Amino acid sequence: MDVKTHWKGGMAFEAVADSNKPIIMDSPTSAAGLLGPAPMEMIAFGMAGCTAMDVISILAKKKQDVTDFDVILHADRAGEHPKVFTRVTMEYQLTGHAIDEASVVRAIELSTQKYCPAHAMMRQVFPISQRYIIFEEEGQGARRVVAEGSYTLEGE
């Protein structure tokens, strides 16, 4: 993969990779106003997006009736520069009808152990934990928790 990052002025940069889909990155300290996410946010986006795509794909193959799905990444950062991530918790929130908890756990397991390169790479640098909450959709935006738990990668 190749990435070209082009300065747009101030602290804003446009990055383009092999997909040819540009993204603007900026800094919260930008005098011109924030034009895009900060680079560390992009890393978090990549981690959350990578596992989210895996999990939803696996659950679709398992014919799970998922109607809404979020992956929320909670990142702790060092207090001093370079302010790296020191720990991450991935929270998978799934809403649907009769979603099988074992299928969710297996999807998370496959993502974190086999398919997600972002997770495989980042777990070499800092600990990553996973938790999940499964909601039963009850209509008109209402839902209730039917299962929750955590998944721990062997050796972590």
Protein backbone atom coordinates (compact mmCIF):
# COMPACT_ATOMS: atom_id res chain seq x y z
CA MET A 1 0.00 0.00 0.00
CA ASP A 2 1.16 3.50 -0.79
CA VAL A 3 -0.14 6.67 0.86
CA LYS A 4 0.48 10.21 -0.32
CA THR A 5 -0.07 12.96 2.24
CA HIS A 6 -0.30 16.50 0.82
CA TRP A 7 -0.18 19.67 2.89
CA LYS A 8 -3.29 21.82 2.45
CA GLY A 9 -2.12 24.72 4.64
CA GLY A 10 -2.09 25.30 8.36
CA MET A 11 -2.08 21.87 9.99
CA ALA A 12 -4.42 20.27 7.42
CA PHE A 13 -3.23 17.42 5.20
CA GLU A 14 -5.04 15.42 2.54
CA ALA A 15 -4.08 11.75 2.40
CA VAL A 16 -4.82 9.38 -0.47
CA ALA A 17 -4.04 5.66 -0.55
CA ASP A 18 -4.49 2.94 -3.15
CA SER A 19 -8.31 3.27 -2.97
CA ASN A 20 -7.95 6.85 -4.29
CA LYS A 21 -10.44 8.07 -1.64
CA PRO A 22 -9.02 11.24 -0.05
CA ILE A 23 -9.22 12.01 3.64
CA ILE A 24 -8.44 15.30 5.36
CA MET A 25 -6.52 15.19 8.64
CA ASP A 26 -6.05 18.19 10.89
CA SER A 27 -4.99 19.17 14.38
CA PRO A 28 -7.26 20.41 17.17
CA THR A 29 -4.73 23.25 17.51
CA SER A 30 -5.27 24.37 13.91
CA ALA A 31 -5.74 28.14 13.65
CA ALA A 32 -7.94 27.72 10.57
CA GLY A 33 -10.46 25.53 12.39
CA LEU A 34 -10.67 21.78 12.44
CA LEU A 35 -11.09 20.41 8.90
CA GLY A 36 -10.83 16.72 9.70
CA PRO A 37 -9.91 14.14 12.31
CA ALA A 38 -6.51 14.10 13.97
CA PRO A 39 -4.02 11.36 12.99
CA MET A 40 -4.47 9.44 16.27
CA GLU A 41 -8.22 9.46 15.68
CA MET A 42 -7.53 7.93 12.27
CA ILE A 43 -5.65 5.08 13.94
CA ALA A 44 -8.61 4.49 16.26
CA PHE A 45 -11.01 4.65 13.29
CA GLY A 46 -8.95 2.00 11.53
CA MET A 47 -8.96 -0.31 14.53
CA ALA A 48 -12.71 0.01 15.11
CA GLY A 49 -13.59 -0.19 11.41
CA CYS A 50 -11.43 -3.24 10.78
CA THR A 51 -13.01 -5.36 13.50
CA ALA A 52 -16.52 -4.00 12.80
CA MET A 53 -16.32 -5.14 9.17
CA ASP A 54 -15.12 -8.58 10.24
CA VAL A 55 -17.76 -9.08 12.92
CA ILE A 56 -20.74 -7.93 10.82
CA SER A 57 -19.58 -10.08 7.89
CA ILE A 58 -19.23 -13.17 10.08
CA LEU A 59 -22.61 -12.60 11.74
CA ALA A 60 -24.27 -12.17 8.33
CA LYS A 61 -22.80 -15.53 7.25
CA LYS A 62 -24.20 -17.03 10.46
CA LYS A 63 -27.59 -15.55 9.47
CA GLN A 64 -27.87 -13.45 12.62
CA ASP A 65 -30.64 -10.82 12.46
CA VAL A 66 -28.59 -7.72 13.34
CA THR A 67 -30.48 -4.44 12.81
CA ASP A 68 -27.96 -2.03 14.36
CA PHE A 69 -24.28 -2.37 15.25
CA ASP A 70 -21.70 -0.09 16.83
CA VAL A 71 -18.10 -0.62 17.83
CA ILE A 72 -17.04 1.92 20.43
CA LEU A 73 -13.32 2.22 21.01
CA HIS A 74 -12.19 3.56 24.39
CA ALA A 75 -8.50 4.54 24.23
CA ASP A 76 -6.31 5.52 27.16
CA ARG A 77 -3.38 7.73 26.20
CA ALA A 78 -0.10 8.59 27.85
CA GLY A 79 -0.08 11.95 29.61
CA GLU A 80 3.24 13.02 28.13
CA HIS A 81 4.37 13.33 24.53
CA PRO A 82 4.22 11.41 22.29
CA LYS A 83 0.85 10.58 23.99
CA VAL A 84 0.61 7.07 22.56
CA PHE A 85 -2.29 4.73 23.21
CA THR A 86 -1.57 2.76 26.38
CA ARG A 87 -4.70 0.57 26.50
CA VAL A 88 -7.79 0.11 24.34
CA THR A 89 -11.18 -1.41 25.07
CA MET A 90 -13.37 -2.35 22.11
CA GLU A 91 -17.09 -2.40 22.96
CA TYR A 92 -19.34 -4.18 20.47
CA GLN A 93 -23.00 -3.12 20.74
CA LEU A 94 -25.37 -5.25 18.67
CA THR A 95 -29.12 -4.82 18.33
CA GLY A 96 -31.42 -7.24 16.55
CA HIS A 97 -33.71 -10.21 16.92
CA ALA A 98 -32.62 -13.36 18.77
CA ILE A 99 -28.92 -12.72 18.22
CA ASP A 100 -26.96 -15.74 19.40
CA GLU A 101 -24.37 -14.79 22.04
CA ALA A 102 -22.06 -17.66 21.08
CA SER A 103 -22.06 -16.41 17.47
CA VAL A 104 -21.10 -12.92 18.64
CA VAL A 105 -18.26 -14.24 20.78
CA ARG A 106 -17.02 -16.41 17.90
CA ALA A 107 -17.16 -13.45 15.48
CA ILE A 108 -15.12 -11.32 17.91
CA GLU A 109 -12.69 -14.20 18.38
CA LEU A 110 -12.19 -14.67 14.63
CA SER A 111 -11.73 -10.95 14.09
CA THR A 112 -9.21 -10.49 16.88
CA GLN A 113 -7.28 -13.72 16.33
CA LYS A 114 -7.39 -14.24 12.58
CA TYR A 115 -8.79 -11.54 10.30
CA CYS A 116 -8.22 -7.98 11.58
CA PRO A 117 -4.68 -6.81 10.72
CA ALA A 118 -5.15 -3.56 12.68
CA HIS A 119 -5.88 -5.52 15.86
CA ALA A 120 -3.03 -7.97 15.24
CA MET A 121 -0.59 -5.12 14.74
CA MET A 122 -1.73 -2.92 17.62
CA ARG A 123 -1.92 -5.69 20.22
CA GLN A 124 1.86 -5.95 19.82
CA VAL A 125 2.10 -2.42 21.22
CA PHE A 126 -0.61 -2.12 23.91
CA PRO A 127 -3.27 -4.29 25.57
CA ILE A 128 -6.66 -4.49 23.87
CA SER A 129 -9.74 -5.87 25.58
CA GLN A 130 -13.14 -6.64 24.10
CA ARG A 131 -16.60 -6.47 25.62
CA TYR A 132 -19.99 -6.90 24.03
CA ILE A 133 -23.60 -5.98 24.73
CA ILE A 134 -26.45 -7.64 22.83
CA PHE A 135 -29.80 -5.86 22.71
CA GLU A 136 -33.15 -7.31 21.63
CA GLU A 137 -34.97 -4.82 19.42
CA GLU A 138 -38.47 -4.19 20.77
CA GLY A 139 -39.73 -1.73 18.14
CA GLN A 140 -40.10 2.04 17.98
CA GLY A 141 -36.47 2.50 18.99
CA ALA A 142 -36.86 0.53 22.22
CA ARG A 143 -34.43 -2.23 23.07
CA ARG A 144 -33.40 -4.29 26.09
CA VAL A 145 -30.13 -5.92 27.08
CA VAL A 146 -30.26 -9.70 26.66
CA ALA A 147 -26.56 -10.54 27.07
CA GLU A 148 -23.25 -8.90 27.82
CA GLY A 149 -19.79 -10.10 28.52
CA SER A 150 -16.17 -9.87 27.57
CA TYR A 151 -13.80 -11.72 25.30
CA THR A 152 -10.16 -12.09 26.21
CA LEU A 153 -7.59 -13.14 23.67
CA GLU A 154 -5.55 -16.08 24.97
CA GLY A 155 -2.34 -14.81 26.51
CA GLU A 156 -3.63 -11.29 27.20
